[in-house]
Amino acid sequence: MQLLCALTDIPDGGSKGVLPGPRGRDQGLLVRRGDTVFGYVNNCPHYDRAPLGWKKDEFLNGTKDRIMCAAHGALFQIEDGVCVIGPCLGQALTPLLITVEDGQVFGERA
């Protein structure tokens, strides 16, 4: 597993992009709920693997209770990445394996 960031780098109730690729686009995203962090690959399962965020570190809808695809508005549950609204209904984001130890967030592809 590799170090992704400090837990405090993710606002509680917010999101953060991680794993920058060769062109600078974040390959993963994290969502924090208290001391729990959920992580996913930053690709929508519907539209040609489009990135989800609408700007740097912004992956959530306005009420911050779902992950949202900026390309077409699909909404995904934070806890398991399953699409609950949108053209990819029932499909899911690819999870990252995440652990939080001593205030540090570690992860890798599942």
PDB file of N, CA and C in Angstrom:
ATOM      1  N   MET A   1       0.848  -1.188   0.000  1.00  0.00           N
ATOM      2  CA  MET A   1       0.000   0.000   0.000  1.00  0.00           C
ATOM      3  C   MET A   1       0.885   1.241   0.000  1.00  0.00           C
ATOM      4  N   GLN A   2       0.395   2.287  -0.635  1.00  0.00           N
ATOM      5  CA  GLN A   2       1.172   3.517  -0.655  1.00  0.00           C
ATOM      6  C   GLN A   2       0.459   4.613   0.125  1.00  0.00           C
ATOM      7  N   LEU A   3       1.240   5.523   0.654  1.00  0.00           N
ATOM      8  CA  LEU A   3       0.691   6.664   1.373  1.00  0.00           C
ATOM      9  C   LEU A   3      -0.012   7.569   0.371  1.00  0.00           C
ATOM     10  N   LEU A   4      -1.289   7.888   0.643  1.00  0.00           N
ATOM     11  CA  LEU A   4      -2.061   8.749  -0.245  1.00  0.00           C
ATOM     12  C   LEU A   4      -2.119  10.185   0.269  1.00  0.00           C
ATOM     13  N   CYS A   5      -2.325  10.347   1.581  1.00  0.00           N
ATOM     14  CA  CYS A   5      -2.398  11.668   2.189  1.00  0.00           C
ATOM     15  C   CYS A   5      -2.596  11.503   3.684  1.00  0.00           C
ATOM     16  N   ALA A   6      -2.572  12.602   4.405  1.00  0.00           N
ATOM     17  CA  ALA A   6      -2.949  12.597   5.818  1.00  0.00           C
ATOM     18  C   ALA A   6      -4.471  12.654   5.904  1.00  0.00           C
ATOM     19  N   LEU A   7      -5.037  12.064   6.939  1.00  0.00           N
ATOM     20  CA  LEU A   7      -6.481  12.110   7.130  1.00  0.00           C
ATOM     21  C   LEU A   7      -6.970  13.555   7.171  1.00  0.00           C
ATOM     22  N   THR A   8      -6.205  14.430   7.787  1.00  0.00           N
ATOM     23  CA  THR A   8      -6.598  15.840   7.897  1.00  0.00           C
ATOM     24  C   THR A   8      -6.549  16.585   6.564  1.00  0.00           C
ATOM     25  N   ASP A   9      -5.950  15.986   5.533  1.00  0.00           N
ATOM     26  CA  ASP A   9      -5.950  16.596   4.198  1.00  0.00           C
ATOM     27  C   ASP A   9      -7.322  16.493   3.525  1.00  0.00           C
ATOM     28  N   ILE A  10      -8.179  15.628   4.052  1.00  0.00           N
ATOM     29  CA  ILE A  10      -9.527  15.451   3.508  1.00  0.00           C
ATOM     30  C   ILE A  10     -10.495  16.090   4.500  1.00  0.00           C
ATOM     31  N   PRO A  11     -11.242  17.102   4.098  1.00  0.00           N
ATOM     32  CA  PRO A  11     -12.204  17.684   5.038  1.00  0.00           C
ATOM     33  C   PRO A  11     -13.242  16.638   5.445  1.00  0.00           C
ATOM     34  N   ASP A  12     -13.613  16.604   6.719  1.00  0.00           N
ATOM     35  CA  ASP A  12     -14.644  15.670   7.158  1.00  0.00           C
ATOM     36  C   ASP A  12     -15.929  15.989   6.401  1.00  0.00           C
ATOM     37  N   GLY A  13     -16.473  14.991   5.715  1.00  0.00           N
ATOM     38  CA  GLY A  13     -17.647  15.196   4.872  1.00  0.00           C
ATOM     39  C   GLY A  13     -17.300  15.616   3.459  1.00  0.00           C
ATOM     40  N   GLY A  14     -16.007  15.702   3.158  1.00  0.00           N
ATOM     41  CA  GLY A  14     -15.554  16.159   1.847  1.00  0.00           C
ATOM     42  C   GLY A  14     -14.810  15.090   1.070  1.00  0.00           C
ATOM     43  N   SER A  15     -14.182  15.520  -0.006  1.00  0.00           N
ATOM     44  CA  SER A  15     -13.494  14.594  -0.904  1.00  0.00           C
ATOM     45  C   SER A  15     -12.133  15.156  -1.313  1.00  0.00           C
ATOM     46  N   LYS A  16     -11.298  14.261  -1.854  1.00  0.00           N
ATOM     47  CA  LYS A  16      -9.956  14.650  -2.298  1.00  0.00           C
ATOM     48  C   LYS A  16      -9.517  13.718  -3.411  1.00  0.00           C
ATOM     49  N   GLY A  17      -8.887  14.280  -4.427  1.00  0.00           N
ATOM     50  CA  GLY A  17      -8.285  13.477  -5.484  1.00  0.00           C
ATOM     51  C   GLY A  17      -6.898  13.024  -5.067  1.00  0.00           C
ATOM     52  N   VAL A  18      -6.530  11.810  -5.468  1.00  0.00           N
ATOM     53  CA  VAL A  18      -5.219  11.235  -5.142  1.00  0.00           C
ATOM     54  C   VAL A  18      -4.685  10.476  -6.350  1.00  0.00           C
ATOM     55  N   LEU A  19      -3.455  10.054  -6.252  1.00  0.00           N
ATOM     56  CA  LEU A  19      -2.792   9.259  -7.280  1.00  0.00           C
ATOM     57  C   LEU A  19      -2.717   9.987  -8.628  1.00  0.00           C
ATOM     58  N   PRO A  20      -2.056  11.149  -8.667  1.00  0.00           N
ATOM     59  CA  PRO A  20      -1.973  11.884  -9.929  1.00  0.00           C
ATOM     60  C   PRO A  20      -1.286  11.050 -11.015  1.00  0.00           C
ATOM     61  N   GLY A  21      -1.873  11.095 -12.196  1.00  0.00           N
ATOM     62  CA  GLY A  21      -1.330  10.369 -13.331  1.00  0.00           C
ATOM     63  C   GLY A  21      -0.312  11.202 -14.079  1.00  0.00           C
ATOM     64  N   PRO A  22       0.172  10.703 -15.212  1.00  0.00           N
ATOM     65  CA  PRO A  22       1.212  11.399 -15.969  1.00  0.00           C
ATOM     66  C   PRO A  22       0.796  12.781 -16.470  1.00  0.00           C
ATOM     67  N   ARG A  23      -0.476  13.006 -16.698  1.00  0.00           N
ATOM     68  CA  ARG A  23      -0.950  14.317 -17.162  1.00  0.00           C
ATOM     69  C   ARG A  23      -1.515  15.156 -16.014  1.00  0.00           C
ATOM     70  N   GLY A  24      -1.338  14.689 -14.788  1.00  0.00           N
ATOM     71  CA  GLY A  24      -1.785  15.438 -13.628  1.00  0.00           C
ATOM     72  C   GLY A  24      -3.184  15.116 -13.151  1.00  0.00           C
ATOM     73  N   ARG A  25      -3.964  14.370 -13.941  1.00  0.00           N
ATOM     74  CA  ARG A  25      -5.325  14.014 -13.513  1.00  0.00           C
ATOM     75  C   ARG A  25      -5.258  12.986 -12.390  1.00  0.00           C
ATOM     76  N   ASP A  26      -6.027  13.232 -11.334  1.00  0.00           N
ATOM     77  CA  ASP A  26      -6.057  12.286 -10.219  1.00  0.00           C
ATOM     78  C   ASP A  26      -6.702  10.979 -10.663  1.00  0.00           C
ATOM     79  N   GLN A  27      -6.027   9.884 -10.399  1.00  0.00           N
ATOM     80  CA  GLN A  27      -6.511   8.566 -10.790  1.00  0.00           C
ATOM     81  C   GLN A  27      -7.439   7.952  -9.749  1.00  0.00           C
ATOM     82  N   GLY A  28      -7.459   8.535  -8.553  1.00  0.00           N
ATOM     83  CA  GLY A  28      -8.313   8.035  -7.482  1.00  0.00           C
ATOM     84  C   GLY A  28      -8.985   9.177  -6.751  1.00  0.00           C
ATOM     85  N   LEU A  29      -9.994   8.830  -5.969  1.00  0.00           N
ATOM     86  CA  LEU A  29     -10.679   9.821  -5.147  1.00  0.00           C
ATOM     87  C   LEU A  29     -10.971   9.224  -3.778  1.00  0.00           C
ATOM     88  N   LEU A  30     -10.954  10.085  -2.779  1.00  0.00           N
ATOM     89  CA  LEU A  30     -11.243   9.686  -1.411  1.00  0.00           C
ATOM     90  C   LEU A  30     -12.401  10.521  -0.895  1.00  0.00           C
ATOM     91  N   VAL A  31     -13.243   9.908  -0.057  1.00  0.00           N
ATOM     92  CA  VAL A  31     -14.323  10.611   0.626  1.00  0.00           C
ATOM     93  C   VAL A  31     -14.203  10.274   2.107  1.00  0.00           C
ATOM     94  N   ARG A  32     -14.239  11.300   2.941  1.00  0.00           N
ATOM     95  CA  ARG A  32     -14.077  11.108   4.390  1.00  0.00           C
ATOM     96  C   ARG A  32     -15.401  11.289   5.112  1.00  0.00           C
ATOM     97  N   ARG A  33     -15.655  10.354   6.020  1.00  0.00           N
ATOM     98  CA  ARG A  33     -16.780  10.419   6.940  1.00  0.00           C
ATOM     99  C   ARG A  33     -16.225  10.129   8.336  1.00  0.00           C
ATOM    100  N   GLY A  34     -15.889  11.179   9.070  1.00  0.00           N
ATOM    101  CA  GLY A  34     -15.260  10.995  10.380  1.00  0.00           C
ATOM    102  C   GLY A  34     -13.883  10.397  10.206  1.00  0.00           C
ATOM    103  N   ASP A  35     -13.635   9.274  10.868  1.00  0.00           N
ATOM    104  CA  ASP A  35     -12.345   8.599  10.754  1.00  0.00           C
ATOM    105  C   ASP A  35     -12.338   7.536   9.657  1.00  0.00           C
ATOM    106  N   THR A  36     -13.443   7.401   8.938  1.00  0.00           N
ATOM    107  CA  THR A  36     -13.558   6.413   7.862  1.00  0.00           C
ATOM    108  C   THR A  36     -13.327   7.091   6.518  1.00  0.00           C
ATOM    109  N   VAL A  37     -12.558   6.422   5.673  1.00  0.00           N
ATOM    110  CA  VAL A  37     -12.275   6.945   4.331  1.00  0.00           C
ATOM    111  C   VAL A  37     -12.658   5.886   3.305  1.00  0.00           C
ATOM    112  N   PHE A  38     -13.405   6.312   2.300  1.00  0.00           N
ATOM    113  CA  PHE A  38     -13.796   5.460   1.182  1.00  0.00           C
ATOM    114  C   PHE A  38     -12.998   5.898  -0.034  1.00  0.00           C
ATOM    115  N   GLY A  39     -12.527   4.963  -0.839  1.00  0.00           N
ATOM    116  CA  GLY A  39     -11.722   5.305  -2.001  1.00  0.00           C
ATOM    117  C   GLY A  39     -12.167   4.569  -3.247  1.00  0.00           C
ATOM    118  N   TYR A  40     -12.085   5.279  -4.383  1.00  0.00           N
ATOM    119  CA  TYR A  40     -12.491   4.711  -5.662  1.00  0.00           C
ATOM    120  C   TYR A  40     -11.572   5.192  -6.774  1.00  0.00           C
ATOM    121  N   VAL A  41     -11.513   4.427  -7.853  1.00  0.00           N
ATOM    122  CA  VAL A  41     -10.832   4.852  -9.065  1.00  0.00           C
ATOM    123  C   VAL A  41     -11.664   5.995  -9.656  1.00  0.00           C
ATOM    124  N   ASN A  42     -11.005   7.032 -10.130  1.00  0.00           N
ATOM    125  CA  ASN A  42     -11.673   8.235 -10.636  1.00  0.00           C
ATOM    126  C   ASN A  42     -12.124   8.049 -12.092  1.00  0.00           C
ATOM    127  N   ASN A  43     -13.038   7.122 -12.300  1.00  0.00           N
ATOM    128  CA  ASN A  43     -13.604   6.851 -13.632  1.00  0.00           C
ATOM    129  C   ASN A  43     -15.063   6.482 -13.489  1.00  0.00           C
ATOM    130  N   CYS A  44     -15.920   7.096 -14.297  1.00  0.00           N
ATOM    131  CA  CYS A  44     -17.331   6.734 -14.326  1.00  0.00           C
ATOM    132  C   CYS A  44     -17.491   5.431 -15.113  1.00  0.00           C
ATOM    133  N   PRO A  45     -18.292   4.487 -14.628  1.00  0.00           N
ATOM    134  CA  PRO A  45     -18.467   3.231 -15.366  1.00  0.00           C
ATOM    135  C   PRO A  45     -19.331   3.379 -16.615  1.00  0.00           C
ATOM    136  N   HIS A  46     -19.946   4.525 -16.828  1.00  0.00           N
ATOM    137  CA  HIS A  46     -20.861   4.689 -17.949  1.00  0.00           C
ATOM    138  C   HIS A  46     -20.221   5.299 -19.189  1.00  0.00           C
ATOM    139  N   TYR A  47     -19.643   6.467 -19.043  1.00  0.00           N
ATOM    140  CA  TYR A  47     -19.246   7.247 -20.207  1.00  0.00           C
ATOM    141  C   TYR A  47     -17.745   7.173 -20.469  1.00  0.00           C
ATOM    142  N   ASP A  48     -17.317   6.187 -21.215  1.00  0.00           N
ATOM    143  CA  ASP A  48     -15.932   6.077 -21.663  1.00  0.00           C
ATOM    144  C   ASP A  48     -14.917   6.330 -20.550  1.00  0.00           C
ATOM    145  N   ARG A  49     -15.247   5.862 -19.371  1.00  0.00           N
ATOM    146  CA  ARG A  49     -14.328   5.997 -18.228  1.00  0.00           C
ATOM    147  C   ARG A  49     -13.974   7.452 -17.939  1.00  0.00           C
ATOM    148  N   ALA A  50     -14.936   8.351 -18.061  1.00  0.00           N
ATOM    149  CA  ALA A  50     -14.715   9.775 -17.813  1.00  0.00           C
ATOM    150  C   ALA A  50     -14.384  10.021 -16.346  1.00  0.00           C
ATOM    151  N   PRO A  51     -13.529  11.007 -16.058  1.00  0.00           N
ATOM    152  CA  PRO A  51     -13.267  11.356 -14.661  1.00  0.00           C
ATOM    153  C   PRO A  51     -14.536  11.918 -14.017  1.00  0.00           C
ATOM    154  N   LEU A  52     -14.657  11.738 -12.715  1.00  0.00           N
ATOM    155  CA  LEU A  52     -15.878  12.105 -12.015  1.00  0.00           C
ATOM    156  C   LEU A  52     -15.923  13.561 -11.559  1.00  0.00           C
ATOM    157  N   GLY A  53     -14.837  14.103 -11.108  1.00  0.00           N
ATOM    158  CA  GLY A  53     -14.842  15.422 -10.481  1.00  0.00           C
ATOM    159  C   GLY A  53     -15.116  16.559 -11.441  1.00  0.00           C
ATOM    160  N   TRP A  54     -15.725  17.606 -10.921  1.00  0.00           N
ATOM    161  CA  TRP A  54     -15.998  18.782 -11.751  1.00  0.00           C
ATOM    162  C   TRP A  54     -14.922  19.841 -11.580  1.00  0.00           C
ATOM    163  N   LYS A  55     -14.117  19.755 -10.527  1.00  0.00           N
ATOM    164  CA  LYS A  55     -12.908  20.542 -10.352  1.00  0.00           C
ATOM    165  C   LYS A  55     -12.050  19.841  -9.317  1.00  0.00           C
ATOM    166  N   LYS A  56     -10.855  20.316  -9.097  1.00  0.00           N
ATOM    167  CA  LYS A  56      -9.906  19.661  -8.197  1.00  0.00           C
ATOM    168  C   LYS A  56     -10.545  19.385  -6.832  1.00  0.00           C
ATOM    169  N   ASP A  57     -10.492  18.139  -6.422  1.00  0.00           N
ATOM    170  CA  ASP A  57     -10.964  17.666  -5.115  1.00  0.00           C
ATOM    171  C   ASP A  57     -12.471  17.806  -4.905  1.00  0.00           C
ATOM    172  N   GLU A  58     -13.250  17.982  -5.957  1.00  0.00           N
ATOM    173  CA  GLU A  58     -14.707  18.108  -5.850  1.00  0.00           C
ATOM    174  C   GLU A  58     -15.382  16.942  -6.569  1.00  0.00           C
ATOM    175  N   PHE A  59     -15.799  15.957  -5.767  1.00  0.00           N
ATOM    176  CA  PHE A  59     -16.394  14.743  -6.316  1.00  0.00           C
ATOM    177  C   PHE A  59     -17.799  14.486  -5.793  1.00  0.00           C
ATOM    178  N   LEU A  60     -18.314  15.371  -4.949  1.00  0.00           N
ATOM    179  CA  LEU A  60     -19.601  15.143  -4.302  1.00  0.00           C
ATOM    180  C   LEU A  60     -20.681  16.068  -4.867  1.00  0.00           C
ATOM    181  N   ASN A  61     -21.937  15.636  -4.706  1.00  0.00           N
ATOM    182  CA  ASN A  61     -23.053  16.486  -5.110  1.00  0.00           C
ATOM    183  C   ASN A  61     -23.208  17.636  -4.107  1.00  0.00           C
ATOM    184  N   GLY A  62     -24.174  18.510  -4.345  1.00  0.00           N
ATOM    185  CA  GLY A  62     -24.341  19.704  -3.518  1.00  0.00           C
ATOM    186  C   GLY A  62     -24.623  19.427  -2.054  1.00  0.00           C
ATOM    187  N   THR A  63     -25.323  18.329  -1.763  1.00  0.00           N
ATOM    188  CA  THR A  63     -25.627  17.989  -0.370  1.00  0.00           C
ATOM    189  C   THR A  63     -24.548  17.101   0.258  1.00  0.00           C
ATOM    190  N   LYS A  64     -23.552  16.757  -0.529  1.00  0.00           N
ATOM    191  CA  LYS A  64     -22.398  15.969  -0.084  1.00  0.00           C
ATOM    192  C   LYS A  64     -22.767  14.586   0.468  1.00  0.00           C
ATOM    193  N   ASP A  65     -23.869  14.032  -0.048  1.00  0.00           N
ATOM    194  CA  ASP A  65     -24.251  12.699   0.394  1.00  0.00           C
ATOM    195  C   ASP A  65     -24.087  11.630  -0.689  1.00  0.00           C
ATOM    196  N   ARG A  66     -23.584  12.032  -1.862  1.00  0.00           N
ATOM    197  CA  ARG A  66     -23.336  11.105  -2.963  1.00  0.00           C
ATOM    198  C   ARG A  66     -22.122  11.581  -3.758  1.00  0.00           C
ATOM    199  N   ILE A  67     -21.429  10.627  -4.369  1.00  0.00           N
ATOM    200  CA  ILE A  67     -20.391  10.943  -5.346  1.00  0.00           C
ATOM    201  C   ILE A  67     -21.120  11.224  -6.655  1.00  0.00           C
ATOM    202  N   MET A  68     -20.706  12.278  -7.371  1.00  0.00           N
ATOM    203  CA  MET A  68     -21.412  12.660  -8.592  1.00  0.00           C
ATOM    204  C   MET A  68     -20.464  12.693  -9.784  1.00  0.00           C
ATOM    205  N   CYS A  69     -20.921  12.177 -10.903  1.00  0.00           N
ATOM    206  CA  CYS A  69     -20.167  12.266 -12.150  1.00  0.00           C
ATOM    207  C   CYS A  69     -20.484  13.605 -12.804  1.00  0.00           C
ATOM    208  N   ALA A  70     -19.465  14.414 -13.011  1.00  0.00           N
ATOM    209  CA  ALA A  70     -19.654  15.728 -13.622  1.00  0.00           C
ATOM    210  C   ALA A  70     -20.054  15.629 -15.089  1.00  0.00           C
ATOM    211  N   ALA A  71     -19.753  14.516 -15.753  1.00  0.00           N
ATOM    212  CA  ALA A  71     -20.058  14.377 -17.177  1.00  0.00           C
ATOM    213  C   ALA A  71     -21.553  14.240 -17.441  1.00  0.00           C
ATOM    214  N   HIS A  72     -22.273  13.488 -16.586  1.00  0.00           N
ATOM    215  CA  HIS A  72     -23.689  13.285 -16.863  1.00  0.00           C
ATOM    216  C   HIS A  72     -24.563  13.220 -15.618  1.00  0.00           C
ATOM    217  N   GLY A  73     -24.027  13.557 -14.462  1.00  0.00           N
ATOM    218  CA  GLY A  73     -24.833  13.680 -13.249  1.00  0.00           C
ATOM    219  C   GLY A  73     -25.194  12.411 -12.526  1.00  0.00           C
ATOM    220  N   ALA A  74     -24.616  11.281 -12.897  1.00  0.00           N
ATOM    221  CA  ALA A  74     -24.900  10.038 -12.174  1.00  0.00           C
ATOM    222  C   ALA A  74     -24.487  10.205 -10.716  1.00  0.00           C
ATOM    223  N   LEU A  75     -25.251   9.582  -9.809  1.00  0.00           N
ATOM    224  CA  LEU A  75     -24.952   9.645  -8.382  1.00  0.00           C
ATOM    225  C   LEU A  75     -24.628   8.254  -7.856  1.00  0.00           C
ATOM    226  N   PHE A  76     -23.589   8.194  -7.044  1.00  0.00           N
ATOM    227  CA  PHE A  76     -23.085   6.932  -6.502  1.00  0.00           C
ATOM    228  C   PHE A  76     -23.082   6.995  -4.979  1.00  0.00           C
ATOM    229  N   GLN A  77     -23.454   5.894  -4.338  1.00  0.00           N
ATOM    230  CA  GLN A  77     -23.389   5.814  -2.885  1.00  0.00           C
ATOM    231  C   GLN A  77     -21.934   5.893  -2.446  1.00  0.00           C
ATOM    232  N   ILE A  78     -21.695   6.628  -1.390  1.00  0.00           N
ATOM    233  CA  ILE A  78     -20.333   6.782  -0.887  1.00  0.00           C
ATOM    234  C   ILE A  78     -19.813   5.474  -0.304  1.00  0.00           C
ATOM    235  N   GLU A  79     -20.652   4.738   0.390  1.00  0.00           N
ATOM    236  CA  GLU A  79     -20.215   3.549   1.130  1.00  0.00           C
ATOM    237  C   GLU A  79     -19.802   2.379   0.251  1.00  0.00           C
ATOM    238  N   ASP A  80     -20.409   2.240  -0.952  1.00  0.00           N
ATOM    239  CA  ASP A  80     -20.076   1.089  -1.793  1.00  0.00           C
ATOM    240  C   ASP A  80     -19.879   1.434  -3.275  1.00  0.00           C
ATOM    241  N   GLY A  81     -20.052   2.701  -3.648  1.00  0.00           N
ATOM    242  CA  GLY A  81     -19.820   3.126  -5.025  1.00  0.00           C
ATOM    243  C   GLY A  81     -20.882   2.737  -6.025  1.00  0.00           C
ATOM    244  N   VAL A  82     -22.007   2.199  -5.575  1.00  0.00           N
ATOM    245  CA  VAL A  82     -23.064   1.758  -6.487  1.00  0.00           C
ATOM    246  C   VAL A  82     -23.839   2.971  -7.006  1.00  0.00           C
ATOM    247  N   CYS A  83     -24.098   2.985  -8.309  1.00  0.00           N
ATOM    248  CA  CYS A  83     -24.865   4.053  -8.935  1.00  0.00           C
ATOM    249  C   CYS A  83     -26.339   3.884  -8.575  1.00  0.00           C
ATOM    250  N   VAL A  84     -26.933   4.954  -8.021  1.00  0.00           N
ATOM    251  CA  VAL A  84     -28.335   4.912  -7.616  1.00  0.00           C
ATOM    252  C   VAL A  84     -29.213   5.819  -8.478  1.00  0.00           C
ATOM    253  N   ILE A  85     -28.599   6.724  -9.235  1.00  0.00           N
ATOM    254  CA  ILE A  85     -29.327   7.597 -10.158  1.00  0.00           C
ATOM    255  C   ILE A  85     -28.442   7.830 -11.374  1.00  0.00           C
ATOM    256  N   GLY A  86     -29.002   7.658 -12.567  1.00  0.00           N
ATOM    257  CA  GLY A  86     -28.243   7.944 -13.778  1.00  0.00           C
ATOM    258  C   GLY A  86     -28.184   6.781 -14.734  1.00  0.00           C
ATOM    259  N   PRO A  87     -27.518   6.976 -15.866  1.00  0.00           N
ATOM    260  CA  PRO A  87     -27.488   5.971 -16.924  1.00  0.00           C
ATOM    261  C   PRO A  87     -26.700   4.711 -16.578  1.00  0.00           C
ATOM    262  N   CYS A  88     -25.923   4.746 -15.519  1.00  0.00           N
ATOM    263  CA  CYS A  88     -25.163   3.545 -15.125  1.00  0.00           C
ATOM    264  C   CYS A  88     -25.786   2.886 -13.898  1.00  0.00           C
ATOM    265  N   LEU A  89     -27.089   3.039 -13.719  1.00  0.00           N
ATOM    266  CA  LEU A  89     -27.831   2.503 -12.584  1.00  0.00           C
ATOM    267  C   LEU A  89     -27.458   1.045 -12.316  1.00  0.00           C
ATOM    268  N   GLY A  90     -27.081   0.775 -11.076  1.00  0.00           N
ATOM    269  CA  GLY A  90     -26.712  -0.581 -10.676  1.00  0.00           C
ATOM    270  C   GLY A  90     -25.251  -0.909 -10.873  1.00  0.00           C
ATOM    271  N   GLN A  91     -24.549  -0.168 -11.736  1.00  0.00           N
ATOM    272  CA  GLN A  91     -23.110  -0.380 -11.883  1.00  0.00           C
ATOM    273  C   GLN A  91     -22.409   0.290 -10.707  1.00  0.00           C
ATOM    274  N   ALA A  92     -21.126   0.019 -10.541  1.00  0.00           N
ATOM    275  CA  ALA A  92     -20.408   0.570  -9.389  1.00  0.00           C
ATOM    276  C   ALA A  92     -19.043   1.096  -9.782  1.00  0.00           C
ATOM    277  N   LEU A  93     -18.580   2.048  -8.994  1.00  0.00           N
ATOM    278  CA  LEU A  93     -17.216   2.543  -9.124  1.00  0.00           C
ATOM    279  C   LEU A  93     -16.256   1.445  -8.685  1.00  0.00           C
ATOM    280  N   THR A  94     -15.054   1.464  -9.222  1.00  0.00           N
ATOM    281  CA  THR A  94     -14.033   0.491  -8.834  1.00  0.00           C
ATOM    282  C   THR A  94     -13.409   0.938  -7.512  1.00  0.00           C
ATOM    283  N   PRO A  95     -13.487   0.093  -6.476  1.00  0.00           N
ATOM    284  CA  PRO A  95     -12.974   0.511  -5.167  1.00  0.00           C
ATOM    285  C   PRO A  95     -11.453   0.485  -5.094  1.00  0.00           C
ATOM    286  N   LEU A  96     -10.927   1.311  -4.211  1.00  0.00           N
ATOM    287  CA  LEU A  96      -9.534   1.242  -3.782  1.00  0.00           C
ATOM    288  C   LEU A  96      -9.526   0.596  -2.411  1.00  0.00           C
ATOM    289  N   LEU A  97      -8.493  -0.180  -2.109  1.00  0.00           N
ATOM    290  CA  LEU A  97      -8.327  -0.721  -0.759  1.00  0.00           C
ATOM    291  C   LEU A  97      -7.709   0.380   0.089  1.00  0.00           C
ATOM    292  N   ILE A  98      -8.409   0.785   1.132  1.00  0.00           N
ATOM    293  CA  ILE A  98      -7.993   1.913   1.954  1.00  0.00           C
ATOM    294  C   ILE A  98      -7.806   1.478   3.399  1.00  0.00           C
ATOM    295  N   THR A  99      -6.730   1.950   4.011  1.00  0.00           N
ATOM    296  CA  THR A  99      -6.544   1.813   5.452  1.00  0.00           C
ATOM    297  C   THR A  99      -6.105   3.161   6.005  1.00  0.00           C
ATOM    298  N   VAL A 100      -6.510   3.414   7.247  1.00  0.00           N
ATOM    299  CA  VAL A 100      -6.109   4.626   7.945  1.00  0.00           C
ATOM    300  C   VAL A 100      -5.342   4.188   9.184  1.00  0.00           C
ATOM    301  N   GLU A 101      -4.087   4.621   9.271  1.00  0.00           N
ATOM    302  CA  GLU A 101      -3.226   4.265  10.399  1.00  0.00           C
ATOM    303  C   GLU A 101      -2.499   5.504  10.890  1.00  0.00           C
ATOM    304  N   ASP A 102      -2.614   5.767  12.180  1.00  0.00           N
ATOM    305  CA  ASP A 102      -1.910   6.896  12.796  1.00  0.00           C
ATOM    306  C   ASP A 102      -2.133   8.200  12.030  1.00  0.00           C
ATOM    307  N   GLY A 103      -3.374   8.437  11.590  1.00  0.00           N
ATOM    308  CA  GLY A 103      -3.702   9.677  10.909  1.00  0.00           C
ATOM    309  C   GLY A 103      -3.242   9.760   9.470  1.00  0.00           C
ATOM    310  N   GLN A 104      -2.765   8.650   8.902  1.00  0.00           N
ATOM    311  CA  GLN A 104      -2.306   8.603   7.516  1.00  0.00           C
ATOM    312  C   GLN A 104      -3.216   7.667   6.716  1.00  0.00           C
ATOM    313  N   VAL A 105      -3.514   8.056   5.481  1.00  0.00           N
ATOM    314  CA  VAL A 105      -4.392   7.258   4.620  1.00  0.00           C
ATOM    315  C   VAL A 105      -3.521   6.534   3.587  1.00  0.00           C
ATOM    316  N   PHE A 106      -3.632   5.214   3.566  1.00  0.00           N
ATOM    317  CA  PHE A 106      -2.886   4.374   2.636  1.00  0.00           C
ATOM    318  C   PHE A 106      -3.882   3.689   1.707  1.00  0.00           C
ATOM    319  N   GLY A 107      -3.453   3.402   0.476  1.00  0.00           N
ATOM    320  CA  GLY A 107      -4.355   2.737  -0.440  1.00  0.00           C
ATOM    321  C   GLY A 107      -3.659   2.100  -1.607  1.00  0.00           C
ATOM    322  N   GLU A 108      -4.440   1.259  -2.289  1.00  0.00           N
ATOM    323  CA  GLU A 108      -3.994   0.602  -3.515  1.00  0.00           C
ATOM    324  C   GLU A 108      -5.227   0.118  -4.258  1.00  0.00           C
ATOM    325  N   ARG A 109      -5.053  -0.179  -5.516  1.00  0.00           N
ATOM    326  CA  ARG A 109      -6.162  -0.729  -6.302  1.00  0.00           C
ATOM    327  C   ARG A 109      -6.550  -2.090  -5.748  1.00  0.00           C
ATOM    328  N   ALA A 110      -7.849  -2.350  -5.781  1.00  0.00           N
ATOM    329  CA  ALA A 110      -8.361  -3.640  -5.264  1.00  0.00           C
ATOM    330  C   ALA A 110      -7.969  -4.767  -6.185  1.00  0.00           C
TER     331      ALA A 110
END
